[in-house]
C-alpha atoms as a PDB file:
ATOM      1  CA  MET A   1      -0.128  -0.269   0.401  1.00  0.00           C
ATOM      2  CA  ARG A   2       2.842   2.170   0.999  1.00  0.00           C
ATOM      3  CA  SER A   3       4.595   1.298  -2.055  1.00  0.00           C
ATOM      4  CA  ALA A   4       1.263   2.644  -4.173  1.00  0.00           C
ATOM      5  CA  LYS A   5       1.141   5.479  -2.740  1.00  0.00           C
ATOM      6  CA  MET A   6       4.703   6.851  -3.342  1.00  0.00           C
ATOM      7  CA  MET A   7       4.554   5.427  -6.896  1.00  0.00           C
ATOM      8  CA  TRP A   8       1.242   7.622  -7.067  1.00  0.00           C
ATOM      9  CA  LYS A   9       3.183  10.698  -5.583  1.00  0.00           C
ATOM     10  CA  SER A  10       5.737   9.849  -8.214  1.00  0.00           C
ATOM     11  CA  LEU A  11       3.869   9.948 -11.084  1.00  0.00           C
ATOM     12  CA  VAL A  12       1.914  12.999  -9.866  1.00  0.00           C
ATOM     13  CA  ALA A  13       5.301  14.579  -9.618  1.00  0.00           C
ATOM     14  CA  VAL A  14       6.450  13.735 -13.098  1.00  0.00           C
ATOM     15  CA  VAL A  15       3.186  15.290 -15.110  1.00  0.00           C
ATOM     16  CA  LEU A  16       3.179  18.591 -13.218  1.00  0.00           C
ATOM     17  CA  PHE A  17       6.942  18.526 -13.985  1.00  0.00           C
ATOM     18  CA  THR A  18       6.101  18.088 -17.338  1.00  0.00           C
ATOM     19  CA  VAL A  19       3.042  20.144 -17.532  1.00  0.00           C
ATOM     20  CA  SER A  20       5.474  23.295 -15.870  1.00  0.00           C
ATOM     21  CA  PHE A  21       8.096  22.335 -18.341  1.00  0.00           C
ATOM     22  CA  ALA A  22       5.751  22.651 -21.333  1.00  0.00           C
ATOM     23  CA  VAL A  23       4.081  26.064 -19.899  1.00  0.00           C
ATOM     24  CA  LEU A  24       7.702  27.601 -19.745  1.00  0.00           C
ATOM     25  CA  ALA A  25       8.444  26.517 -22.814  1.00  0.00           C
ATOM     26  CA  ALA A  26       5.474  28.062 -24.834  1.00  0.00           C
ATOM     27  CA  ALA A  27       6.423  31.088 -22.753  1.00  0.00           C
ATOM     28  CA  GLU A  28       9.176  31.186 -24.215  1.00  0.00           C
ATOM     29  CA  GLN A  29       8.109  30.625 -27.806  1.00  0.00           C
ATOM     30  CA  TYR A  30       8.065  33.766 -30.493  1.00  0.00           C
ATOM     31  CA  GLU A  31       5.613  34.296 -33.037  1.00  0.00           C
ATOM     32  CA  ILE A  32       7.175  35.021 -36.569  1.00  0.00           C
ATOM     33  CA  VAL A  33       5.760  38.520 -37.575  1.00  0.00           C
ATOM     34  CA  ARG A  34       8.068  38.808 -41.365  1.00  0.00           C
ATOM     35  CA  ALA A  35      10.977  37.037 -42.510  1.00  0.00           C
ATOM     36  CA  ASP A  36      13.250  37.434 -45.652  1.00  0.00           C
ATOM     37  CA  TYR A  37      16.272  35.803 -46.881  1.00  0.00           C
ATOM     38  CA  GLY A  38      19.346  37.191 -49.138  1.00  0.00           C
ATOM     39  CA  PHE A  39      22.402  39.289 -49.357  1.00  0.00           C
ATOM     40  CA  GLY A  40      23.103  43.266 -48.616  1.00  0.00           C
ATOM     41  CA  ASN A  41      20.010  44.654 -50.537  1.00  0.00           C
ATOM     42  CA  GLN A  42      19.069  41.358 -52.471  1.00  0.00           C
ATOM     43  CA  ARG A  43      16.661  40.390 -50.129  1.00  0.00           C
ATOM     44  CA  VAL A  44      13.268  38.736 -51.010  1.00  0.00           C
ATOM     45  CA  ASP A  45      10.470  37.989 -48.317  1.00  0.00           C
ATOM     46  CA  VAL A  46       9.670  34.532 -47.641  1.00  0.00           C
ATOM     47  CA  THR A  47       7.844  35.199 -44.738  1.00  0.00           C
ATOM     48  CA  GLN A  48       4.686  32.735 -45.785  1.00  0.00           C
ATOM     49  CA  ARG A  49       7.277  30.214 -47.254  1.00  0.00           C
ATOM     50  CA  LEU A  50       9.014  30.272 -43.346  1.00  0.00           C
ATOM     51  CA  ARG A  51       5.796  29.458 -41.628  1.00  0.00           C
ATOM     52  CA  GLU A  52       5.122  26.436 -44.024  1.00  0.00           C
ATOM     53  CA  VAL A  53       8.529  24.841 -43.163  1.00  0.00           C
ATOM     54  CA  VAL A  54       8.619  25.694 -39.529  1.00  0.00           C
ATOM     55  CA  SER A  55       4.770  24.047 -39.564  1.00  0.00           C
ATOM     56  CA  ASN A  56       6.216  20.607 -40.738  1.00  0.00           C
ATOM     57  CA  ASN A  57       9.793  20.428 -39.754  1.00  0.00           C
ATOM     58  CA  ALA A  58      10.889  20.625 -36.402  1.00  0.00           C
ATOM     59  CA  ALA A  59      14.338  21.595 -37.646  1.00  0.00           C
ATOM     60  CA  PHE A  60      15.439  22.327 -41.127  1.00  0.00           C
ATOM     61  CA  ARG A  61      18.798  23.201 -42.850  1.00  0.00           C
ATOM     62  CA  MET A  62      18.328  26.034 -44.609  1.00  0.00           C
ATOM     63  CA  GLY A  63      19.597  27.705 -48.273  1.00  0.00           C
ATOM     64  CA  ASN A  64      18.163  28.490 -52.053  1.00  0.00           C
ATOM     65  CA  SER A  65      16.133  25.198 -51.596  1.00  0.00           C
ATOM     66  CA  THR A  66      14.276  25.623 -48.645  1.00  0.00           C
ATOM     67  CA  PHE A  67      12.986  29.169 -50.835  1.00  0.00           C
ATOM     68  CA  GLY A  68      13.255  28.457 -53.843  1.00  0.00           C
ATOM     69  CA  VAL A  69      14.906  31.254 -54.862  1.00  0.00           C
ATOM     70  CA  ASP A  70      18.545  32.571 -55.043  1.00  0.00           C
ATOM     71  CA  PRO A  71      18.154  36.430 -54.611  1.00  0.00           C
ATOM     72  CA  SER A  72      22.201  37.439 -54.584  1.00  0.00           C
ATOM     73  CA  HIS A  73      24.335  34.554 -57.095  1.00  0.00           C
ATOM     74  CA  GLY A  74      27.576  33.454 -55.410  1.00  0.00           C
ATOM     75  CA  ASN A  75      27.354  35.384 -52.375  1.00  0.00           C
ATOM     76  CA  LEU A  76      26.825  33.827 -49.088  1.00  0.00           C
ATOM     77  CA  LYS A  77      22.855  34.623 -47.985  1.00  0.00           C
ATOM     78  CA  THR A  78      21.144  35.015 -44.284  1.00  0.00           C
ATOM     79  CA  LEU A  79      18.015  34.064 -43.384  1.00  0.00           C
ATOM     80  CA  ARG A  80      16.168  36.924 -41.184  1.00  0.00           C
ATOM     81  CA  VAL A  81      13.367  36.147 -38.639  1.00  0.00           C
ATOM     82  CA  PHE A  82      11.152  39.373 -37.109  1.00  0.00           C
ATOM     83  CA  VAL A  83       9.641  38.138 -34.361  1.00  0.00           C
ATOM     84  CA  ARG A  84       7.404  39.108 -31.343  1.00  0.00           C
ATOM     85  CA  GLY A  85       7.707  37.547 -27.663  1.00  0.00           C
ATOM     86  CA  PRO A  86       5.231  36.485 -24.995  1.00  0.00           C
ATOM     87  CA  ARG A  87       5.628  39.773 -23.594  1.00  0.00           C
ATOM     88  CA  GLY A  88       5.005  41.868 -26.948  1.00  0.00           C
ATOM     89  CA  GLU A  89       8.575  42.354 -27.318  1.00  0.00           C
ATOM     90  CA  THR A  90      10.130  42.194 -30.714  1.00  0.00           C
ATOM     91  CA  ARG A  91      13.723  40.406 -31.806  1.00  0.00           C
ATOM     92  CA  THR A  92      15.273  39.764 -34.496  1.00  0.00           C
ATOM     93  CA  PHE A  93      16.831  35.796 -35.192  1.00  0.00           C
ATOM     94  CA  GLU A  94      19.539  35.693 -38.127  1.00  0.00           C
ATOM     95  CA  TYR A  95      20.547  31.819 -39.782  1.00  0.00           C
ATOM     96  CA  ARG A  96      23.351  32.162 -41.998  1.00  0.00           C
ATOM     97  CA  GLU A  97      23.255  29.857 -45.357  1.00  0.00           C
ATOM     98  CA  GLY A  98      23.321  26.286 -44.554  1.00  0.00           C
ATOM     99  CA  SER A  99      22.834  26.742 -41.205  1.00  0.00           C
ATOM    100  CA  THR A 100      20.141  24.554 -38.843  1.00  0.00           C
ATOM    101  CA  VAL A 101      16.989  26.560 -37.769  1.00  0.00           C
ATOM    102  CA  ASP A 102      15.220  24.967 -34.718  1.00  0.00           C
ATOM    103  CA  SER A 103      11.364  25.485 -35.373  1.00  0.00           C
ATOM    104  CA  SER A 104      10.442  24.746 -31.586  1.00  0.00           C
ATOM    105  CA  GLN A 105      11.389  28.486 -30.794  1.00  0.00           C
ATOM    106  CA  PHE A 106       8.340  29.877 -32.872  1.00  0.00           C
ATOM    107  CA  ALA A 107       5.236  29.532 -31.452  1.00  0.00           C
ATOM    108  CA  ASP A 108       2.135  27.541 -32.818  1.00  0.00           C
ATOM    109  CA  ALA A 109       4.601  26.105 -35.120  1.00  0.00           C
ATOM    110  CA  GLY A 110       2.595  22.423 -35.445  1.00  0.00           C
ATOM    111  CA  SER A 111      -0.693  24.346 -36.565  1.00  0.00           C
ATOM    112  CA  GLY A 112       0.635  27.479 -38.625  1.00  0.00           C
ATOM    113  CA  ASN A 113      -1.745  29.633 -36.263  1.00  0.00           C
ATOM    114  CA  TRP A 114       0.561  32.692 -36.391  1.00  0.00           C
ATOM    115  CA  GLY A 115      -2.174  34.951 -35.428  1.00  0.00           C
ATOM    116  CA  GLY A 116      -2.204  37.649 -37.789  1.00  0.00           C
ATOM    117  CA  GLY A 117       1.374  37.749 -39.246  1.00  0.00           C
ATOM    118  CA  GLU A 118       2.814  41.687 -40.235  1.00  0.00           C
ATOM    119  CA  ALA A 119      -0.352  43.312 -39.808  1.00  0.00           C
ATOM    120  CA  GLY A 120      -1.055  41.857 -36.992  1.00  0.00           C
ATOM    121  CA  TYR A 121       2.184  43.103 -35.887  1.00  0.00           C
ATOM    122  CA  ARG A 122       1.939  46.820 -37.071  1.00  0.00           C
ATOM    123  CA  ASN A 123      -1.894  47.062 -36.010  1.00  0.00           C
ATOM    124  CA  GLY A 124      -1.926  45.379 -32.541  1.00  0.00           C
ATOM    125  CA  ASP A 125       0.139  45.738 -29.529  1.00  0.00           C
ATOM    126  CA  GLY A 126       3.540  45.435 -31.100  1.00  0.00           C
ATOM    127  CA  ASP A 127       3.333  48.752 -32.983  1.00  0.00           C
ATOM    128  CA  SER A 128       4.550  50.407 -29.981  1.00  0.00           C
ATOM    129  CA  GLY A 129       7.372  52.634 -31.101  1.00  0.00           C
ATOM    130  CA  GLU A 130       8.881  55.303 -28.935  1.00  0.00           C
ATOM    131  CA  TYR A 131       7.572  58.664 -31.312  1.00  0.00           C
ATOM    132  CA  THR A 132       4.304  59.827 -31.876  1.00  0.00           C
ATOM    133  CA  ILE A 133       4.167  61.347 -35.833  1.00  0.00           C
ATOM    134  CA  LEU A 134       2.646  64.931 -35.615  1.00  0.00           C
ATOM    135  CA  HIS A 135       3.102  66.493 -39.514  1.00  0.00           C
ATOM    136  CA  ALA A 136       5.023  65.302 -42.663  1.00  0.00           C
ATOM    137  CA  GLU A 137       6.361  67.289 -45.258  1.00  0.00           C
ATOM    138  CA  TYR A 138       8.026  66.270 -48.229  1.00  0.00           C
ATOM    139  CA  GLY A 139      10.257  68.645 -50.440  1.00  0.00           C
ATOM    140  CA  THR A 140      12.967  71.472 -50.297  1.00  0.00           C
ATOM    141  CA  GLU A 141      13.624  74.666 -48.053  1.00  0.00           C
ATOM    142  CA  ARG A 142      12.008  76.811 -50.294  1.00  0.00           C
ATOM    143  CA  ASN A 143       9.278  74.308 -51.744  1.00  0.00           C
ATOM    144  CA  HIS A 144       7.670  71.668 -49.549  1.00  0.00           C
ATOM    145  CA  VAL A 145       4.176  70.056 -49.490  1.00  0.00           C
ATOM    146  CA  ASP A 146       2.237  68.309 -46.410  1.00  0.00           C
ATOM    147  CA  VAL A 147       2.461  64.684 -46.974  1.00  0.00           C
ATOM    148  CA  THR A 148       0.723  63.586 -43.577  1.00  0.00           C
ATOM    149  CA  ASP A 149      -2.164  62.227 -44.914  1.00  0.00           C
ATOM    150  CA  ARG A 150      -0.254  60.180 -47.681  1.00  0.00           C
ATOM    151  CA  LEU A 151       2.217  58.702 -45.290  1.00  0.00           C
ATOM    152  CA  LYS A 152      -0.721  57.443 -42.938  1.00  0.00           C
ATOM    153  CA  GLU A 153      -1.536  55.632 -46.371  1.00  0.00           C
ATOM    154  CA  LEU A 154       1.530  54.127 -46.766  1.00  0.00           C
ATOM    155  CA  ALA A 155       1.714  52.940 -43.056  1.00  0.00           C
ATOM    156  CA  ARG A 156      -0.977  51.105 -43.053  1.00  0.00           C
ATOM    157  CA  ALA A 157       0.458  49.152 -45.852  1.00  0.00           C
ATOM    158  CA  ASP A 158       3.966  48.692 -45.052  1.00  0.00           C
ATOM    159  CA  LEU A 159       6.129  48.666 -42.517  1.00  0.00           C
ATOM    160  CA  THR A 160       9.166  49.735 -44.398  1.00  0.00           C
ATOM    161  CA  PHE A 161       9.208  51.179 -48.001  1.00  0.00           C
ATOM    162  CA  ARG A 162      11.690  53.289 -50.237  1.00  0.00           C
ATOM    163  CA  MET A 163      10.243  56.599 -50.872  1.00  0.00           C
ATOM    164  CA  GLY A 164      10.722  59.498 -53.633  1.00  0.00           C
ATOM    165  CA  ASN A 165       8.366  61.454 -55.934  1.00  0.00           C
ATOM    166  CA  SER A 166       6.500  58.870 -57.248  1.00  0.00           C
ATOM    167  CA  THR A 167       5.564  57.570 -53.531  1.00  0.00           C
ATOM    168  CA  PHE A 168       4.188  61.091 -52.879  1.00  0.00           C
ATOM    169  CA  GLY A 169       2.813  62.086 -56.220  1.00  0.00           C
ATOM    170  CA  VAL A 170       4.590  64.775 -56.394  1.00  0.00           C
ATOM    171  CA  ASP A 171       7.957  66.853 -57.400  1.00  0.00           C
ATOM    172  CA  PRO A 172       7.829  69.828 -55.294  1.00  0.00           C
ATOM    173  CA  ASP A 173      10.870  71.315 -56.398  1.00  0.00           C
ATOM    174  CA  PRO A 174      11.730  69.610 -60.093  1.00  0.00           C
ATOM    175  CA  GLY A 175      15.888  69.145 -60.627  1.00  0.00           C
ATOM    176  CA  PHE A 176      16.709  69.055 -56.978  1.00  0.00           C
ATOM    177  CA  ILE A 177      16.934  66.466 -54.478  1.00  0.00           C
ATOM    178  CA  LYS A 178      14.289  66.462 -51.392  1.00  0.00           C
ATOM    179  CA  THR A 179      13.705  65.311 -48.457  1.00  0.00           C
ATOM    180  CA  LEU A 180      10.490  63.671 -46.069  1.00  0.00           C
ATOM    181  CA  ARG A 181      10.703  65.576 -43.014  1.00  0.00           C
ATOM    182  CA  ILE A 182       8.708  63.952 -40.315  1.00  0.00           C
ATOM    183  CA  TYR A 183       7.848  65.874 -36.861  1.00  0.00           C
ATOM    184  CA  ALA A 184       6.839  63.853 -33.789  1.00  0.00           C
ATOM    185  CA  ARG A 185       6.812  63.787 -29.887  1.00  0.00           C
ATOM    186  CA  GLY A 186       8.999  61.307 -27.983  1.00  0.00           C
ATOM    187  CA  PRO A 187       7.660  59.900 -25.012  1.00  0.00           C
ATOM    188  CA  ASP A 188       9.723  62.879 -22.992  1.00  0.00           C
ATOM    189  CA  GLY A 189       7.090  65.347 -24.507  1.00  0.00           C
ATOM    190  CA  GLN A 190      10.114  66.652 -26.706  1.00  0.00           C
ATOM    191  CA  GLU A 191       9.710  67.102 -29.986  1.00  0.00           C
ATOM    192  CA  ARG A 192      12.266  66.031 -32.631  1.00  0.00           C
ATOM    193  CA  MET A 193      12.295  65.827 -36.189  1.00  0.00           C
ATOM    194  CA  PHE A 194      13.463  62.828 -38.616  1.00  0.00           C
ATOM    195  CA  GLU A 195      14.675  63.177 -42.092  1.00  0.00           C
ATOM    196  CA  TYR A 196      14.934  61.020 -44.806  1.00  0.00           C
ATOM    197  CA  ARG A 197      16.621  61.551 -48.271  1.00  0.00           C
ATOM    198  CA  GLU A 198      14.819  61.094 -51.325  1.00  0.00           C
ATOM    199  CA  SER A 199      14.576  57.294 -52.756  1.00  0.00           C
ATOM    200  CA  SER A 200      15.882  56.473 -48.754  1.00  0.00           C
ATOM    201  CA  THR A 201      14.061  53.739 -46.535  1.00  0.00           C
ATOM    202  CA  VAL A 202      11.679  55.028 -44.664  1.00  0.00           C
ATOM    203  CA  ASP A 203      10.915  52.397 -41.135  1.00  0.00           C
ATOM    204  CA  GLY A 204       8.053  52.718 -39.251  1.00  0.00           C
ATOM    205  CA  SER A 205       8.992  50.435 -36.416  1.00  0.00           C
ATOM    206  CA  GLN A 206      10.509  53.346 -33.972  1.00  0.00           C
ATOM    207  CA  PHE A 207       6.994  55.670 -34.327  1.00  0.00           C
ATOM    208  CA  LYS A 208       4.026  54.809 -32.358  1.00  0.00           C
ATOM    209  CA  ALA A 209       0.696  53.681 -33.968  1.00  0.00           C
ATOM    210  CA  TRP A 210       2.358  53.506 -37.348  1.00  0.00           C
ATOM    211  CA  GLY A 211       0.513  50.951 -38.865  1.00  0.00           C
ATOM    212  CA  ARG A 212      -3.069  52.604 -37.608  1.00  0.00           C
ATOM    213  CA  GLY A 213      -2.292  55.920 -38.529  1.00  0.00           C
ATOM    214  CA  GLU A 214      -3.929  57.148 -35.429  1.00  0.00           C
ATOM    215  CA  TRP A 215      -1.344  60.148 -35.397  1.00  0.00           C
ATOM    216  CA  GLY A 216      -1.282  63.854 -37.469  1.00  0.00           C
ATOM    217  CA  ASN A 217      -4.064  64.818 -35.627  1.00  0.00           C
ATOM    218  CA  GLU A 218      -2.799  67.497 -33.459  1.00  0.00           C
ATOM    219  CA  GLY A 219      -2.008  70.258 -36.039  1.00  0.00           C
ATOM    220  CA  TRP A 220       1.327  71.864 -36.670  1.00  0.00           C
ATOM    221  CA  ASN A 221       2.918  75.354 -36.970  1.00  0.00           C
ATOM    222  CA  GLY A 222       6.840  74.511 -36.850  1.00  0.00           C
ATOM    223  CA  GLY A 223       6.951  74.999 -40.718  1.00  0.00           C
ATOM    224  CA  TRP A 224      10.167  73.579 -42.333  1.00  0.00           C
ATOM    225  CA  ALA A 225      12.238  74.168 -40.002  1.00  0.00           C
ATOM    226  CA  GLY A 226      15.425  72.659 -38.681  1.00  0.00           C
ATOM    227  CA  GLY A 227      18.199  74.263 -41.349  1.00  0.00           C
ATOM    228  CA  GLY A 228      17.945  71.554 -44.459  1.00  0.00           C
ATOM    229  CA  PHE A 229      18.497  72.855 -48.143  1.00  0.00           C
ATOM    230  CA  HIS A 230      19.889  76.442 -48.557  1.00  0.00           C
ATOM    231  CA  ASP A 231      20.253  78.297 -51.405  1.00  0.00           C
ATOM    232  CA  HIS A 232      24.104  78.286 -51.398  1.00  0.00           C
ATOM    233  CA  ASP A 233      23.831  74.225 -51.175  1.00  0.00           C
ATOM    234  CA  ARG A 234      21.803  73.952 -54.211  1.00  0.00           C
ATOM    235  CA  ASP A 235      24.727  73.256 -56.980  1.00  0.00           C
ATOM    236  CA  HIS A 236      25.968  70.318 -54.682  1.00  0.00           C
ATOM    237  CA  ASP A 237      22.132  68.879 -54.590  1.00  0.00           C
ATOM    238  CA  ARG A 238      21.363  68.530 -57.855  1.00  0.00           C
ATOM    239  CA  ASP A 239      20.154  64.935 -59.156  1.00  0.00           C
ATOM    240  CA  HIS A 240      22.288  63.814 -61.269  1.00  0.00           C
ATOM    241  CA  ASP A 241      25.577  65.079 -59.181  1.00  0.00           C
ATOM    242  CA  GLY A 242      28.293  62.160 -58.118  1.00  0.00           C
ATOM    243  CA  ASP A 243      28.287  58.698 -57.504  1.00  0.00           C
ATOM    244  CA  GLY A 244      25.349  58.470 -55.688  1.00  0.00           C
ATOM    245  CA  ASP A 245      27.415  59.009 -52.304  1.00  0.00           C
ATOM    246  CA  ALA A 246      26.502  62.490 -51.941  1.00  0.00           C
ATOM    247  CA  GLY A 247      24.503  62.707 -48.842  1.00  0.00           C
ATOM    248  CA  GLU A 248      24.157  65.791 -47.134  1.00  0.00           C
ATOM    249  CA  TYR A 249      25.839  64.537 -43.220  1.00  0.00           C
ATOM    250  CA  ILE A 250      28.962  63.555 -42.302  1.00  0.00           C
ATOM    251  CA  ILE A 251      29.115  60.774 -39.754  1.00  0.00           C
ATOM    252  CA  VAL A 252      31.557  62.059 -36.363  1.00  0.00           C
ATOM    253  CA  ARG A 253      30.646  58.496 -34.433  1.00  0.00           C
ATOM    254  CA  ALA A 254      28.189  55.903 -33.546  1.00  0.00           C
ATOM    255  CA  GLU A 255      26.779  54.158 -30.571  1.00  0.00           C
ATOM    256  CA  TYR A 256      24.328  51.680 -29.288  1.00  0.00           C
ATOM    257  CA  GLY A 257      22.632  50.969 -25.994  1.00  0.00           C
ATOM    258  CA  THR A 258      20.489  52.867 -24.082  1.00  0.00           C
ATOM    259  CA  GLU A 259      21.265  55.961 -21.991  1.00  0.00           C
ATOM    260  CA  ARG A 260      22.325  53.818 -19.105  1.00  0.00           C
ATOM    261  CA  ASN A 261      24.902  51.322 -21.119  1.00  0.00           C
ATOM    262  CA  ARG A 262      26.598  52.386 -24.484  1.00  0.00           C
ATOM    263  CA  VAL A 263      29.043  51.441 -26.452  1.00  0.00           C
ATOM    264  CA  ASP A 264      31.103  52.930 -29.267  1.00  0.00           C
ATOM    265  CA  VAL A 265      29.907  51.144 -32.843  1.00  0.00           C
ATOM    266  CA  THR A 266      31.757  53.406 -35.019  1.00  0.00           C
ATOM    267  CA  ASP A 267      34.298  51.027 -36.436  1.00  0.00           C
ATOM    268  CA  ARG A 268      31.693  48.177 -37.176  1.00  0.00           C
ATOM    269  CA  LEU A 269      29.093  51.027 -38.767  1.00  0.00           C
ATOM    270  CA  ARG A 270      31.735  51.494 -41.289  1.00  0.00           C
ATOM    271  CA  GLU A 271      32.108  48.175 -42.009  1.00  0.00           C
ATOM    272  CA  LEU A 272      28.415  47.735 -42.652  1.00  0.00           C
ATOM    273  CA  ALA A 273      28.324  50.538 -44.299  1.00  0.00           C
ATOM    274  CA  ARG A 274      30.963  48.979 -47.130  1.00  0.00           C
ATOM    275  CA  SER A 275      28.480  46.042 -47.824  1.00  0.00           C
ATOM    276  CA  ASP A 276      25.333  47.420 -47.462  1.00  0.00           C
ATOM    277  CA  ARG A 277      23.324  50.879 -48.292  1.00  0.00           C
ATOM    278  CA  ALA A 278      20.494  50.244 -46.114  1.00  0.00           C
ATOM    279  CA  PHE A 279      20.463  47.356 -43.469  1.00  0.00           C
ATOM    280  CA  ARG A 280      18.067  46.255 -40.882  1.00  0.00           C
ATOM    281  CA  MET A 281      20.175  46.143 -37.168  1.00  0.00           C
ATOM    282  CA  GLY A 282      19.884  45.366 -33.547  1.00  0.00           C
ATOM    283  CA  ASN A 283      22.223  43.098 -31.353  1.00  0.00           C
ATOM    284  CA  SER A 284      23.778  40.604 -34.054  1.00  0.00           C
ATOM    285  CA  THR A 285      24.334  43.351 -36.439  1.00  0.00           C
ATOM    286  CA  PHE A 286      26.808  44.718 -33.662  1.00  0.00           C
ATOM    287  CA  GLY A 287      28.045  41.846 -31.739  1.00  0.00           C
ATOM    288  CA  VAL A 288      27.012  42.897 -28.827  1.00  0.00           C
ATOM    289  CA  ASP A 289      24.098  43.327 -26.554  1.00  0.00           C
ATOM    290  CA  PRO A 290      25.088  46.502 -23.757  1.00  0.00           C
ATOM    291  CA  ASP A 291      21.695  46.379 -21.690  1.00  0.00           C
ATOM    292  CA  HIS A 292      20.054  42.854 -21.486  1.00  0.00           C
ATOM    293  CA  GLY A 293      16.249  42.590 -21.297  1.00  0.00           C
ATOM    294  CA  ARG A 294      15.730  46.329 -22.963  1.00  0.00           C
ATOM    295  CA  ILE A 295      15.251  48.294 -26.277  1.00  0.00           C
ATOM    296  CA  LYS A 296      18.312  49.535 -27.533  1.00  0.00           C
ATOM    297  CA  THR A 297      18.717  52.526 -30.180  1.00  0.00           C
ATOM    298  CA  LEU A 298      21.696  53.442 -32.298  1.00  0.00           C
ATOM    299  CA  ARG A 299      22.566  56.971 -32.666  1.00  0.00           C
ATOM    300  CA  ILE A 300      24.474  58.415 -35.603  1.00  0.00           C
ATOM    301  CA  TYR A 301      26.108  61.741 -34.984  1.00  0.00           C
ATOM    302  CA  ALA A 302      26.824  63.734 -38.011  1.00  0.00           C
ATOM    303  CA  ARG A 303      27.879  67.196 -39.027  1.00  0.00           C
ATOM    304  CA  GLY A 304      25.931  68.941 -41.971  1.00  0.00           C
ATOM    305  CA  ARG A 305      27.240  71.624 -44.369  1.00  0.00           C
ATOM    306  CA  ASP A 306      26.480  73.961 -42.384  1.00  0.00           C
ATOM    307  CA  GLY A 307      28.946  73.257 -39.791  1.00  0.00           C
ATOM    308  CA  GLN A 308      26.243  72.137 -37.125  1.00  0.00           C
ATOM    309  CA  GLU A 309      25.953  68.577 -35.301  1.00  0.00           C
ATOM    310  CA  ARG A 310      22.429  66.291 -35.147  1.00  0.00           C
ATOM    311  CA  MET A 311      21.776  63.418 -33.842  1.00  0.00           C
ATOM    312  CA  PHE A 312      20.013  60.625 -35.979  1.00  0.00           C
ATOM    313  CA  GLU A 313      18.241  57.992 -33.776  1.00  0.00           C
ATOM    314  CA  TYR A 314      17.167  54.955 -34.961  1.00  0.00           C
ATOM    315  CA  ARG A 315      15.332  51.924 -32.739  1.00  0.00           C
ATOM    316  CA  GLU A 316      16.640  48.317 -32.459  1.00  0.00           C
ATOM    317  CA  SER A 317      15.501  46.257 -35.341  1.00  0.00           C
ATOM    318  CA  SER A 318      14.931  49.340 -37.387  1.00  0.00           C
ATOM    319  CA  THR A 319      16.441  50.194 -40.780  1.00  0.00           C
ATOM    320  CA  VAL A 320      19.536  52.320 -41.237  1.00  0.00           C
ATOM    321  CA  ASP A 321      19.595  54.347 -45.006  1.00  0.00           C
ATOM    322  CA  GLY A 322      23.021  55.440 -45.298  1.00  0.00           C
ATOM    323  CA  ALA A 323      21.712  57.744 -48.606  1.00  0.00           C
ATOM    324  CA  GLN A 324      21.584  60.602 -46.474  1.00  0.00           C
ATOM    325  CA  PHE A 325      25.003  60.374 -45.001  1.00  0.00           C
ATOM    326  CA  LYS A 326      27.550  61.593 -47.023  1.00  0.00           C
ATOM    327  CA  GLY A 327      30.807  59.143 -47.893  1.00  0.00           C
ATOM    328  CA  TRP A 328      28.474  56.148 -46.447  1.00  0.00           C
ATOM    329  CA  GLY A 329      30.183  53.427 -48.658  1.00  0.00           C
ATOM    330  CA  GLY A 330      33.805  54.737 -48.603  1.00  0.00           C
ATOM    331  CA  GLY A 331      33.807  54.725 -44.788  1.00  0.00           C
ATOM    332  CA  GLU A 332      35.413  57.567 -44.408  1.00  0.00           C
ATOM    333  CA  TRP A 333      34.281  59.475 -41.853  1.00  0.00           C
ATOM    334  CA  GLY A 334      34.021  59.096 -38.037  1.00  0.00           C
ATOM    335  CA  ARG A 335      37.876  59.552 -37.747  1.00  0.00           C
END
């Protein structure tokens, strides 16, 4: 009788342990938001295909044959998987071509139920960037137009997009390079301006309620403001100038982390700039996590043609586009 009771207690303990372990494992799983595969700027969206593969395999070796495409012949490609965690946090997994992907870390892998994918990410709780957009303008200092409403339409359709005249359906100053200026308010109540050079990539991940378009309704009377294109700069800013690496700002230094813990990543940024004009960044990009458990930012400090310094800020997992930085690909900066 005593032996039977002991066996029963042992069985209950095993069951409880198994259930607890399963709950803990489920809590650490991630929901796939988006995935792309390729090298540098030569990347293709493989979100749906990845979901299918993960749903049918506990683990798999990944490469061109997995996705049925080779987006960059002759180059070693990577798979980037953008996910949302059980507490709404976002992170990125990156795998080199030929490596093994463990499907068990992704939620609902067996059923293929992903809770809405990227649309769910944009429109749900994961759409929680730091800055609230107030207003958006596109053009040059002398000629610019309000594009707030058009930006809302673009935000509802895409988390990131490459922009220019065709994006906004207008060329406010023909023959000159335009910029998109997004005026936003941070969590501390301070207003700041995000500037994107024509043909560069806009990433909405750092803006609050980006995909829902619940912003830009507070009114704005700040004008173009903040410097920008000056008459004496115009001869250097024509669309046909240079080799395409002729941004306005020269990088002085770059730091990655939080207010309390950050590291200098100037040299690493120079390496990345020589390889790609645009890239999505995070801990794996810089090979360090300076403040575990907190969302980091990349801050690029740069000097404009007027000699004034300004800071460009990118939230972890957002896209850095070098189009607005002078000598980006050459890496002749930050020294």
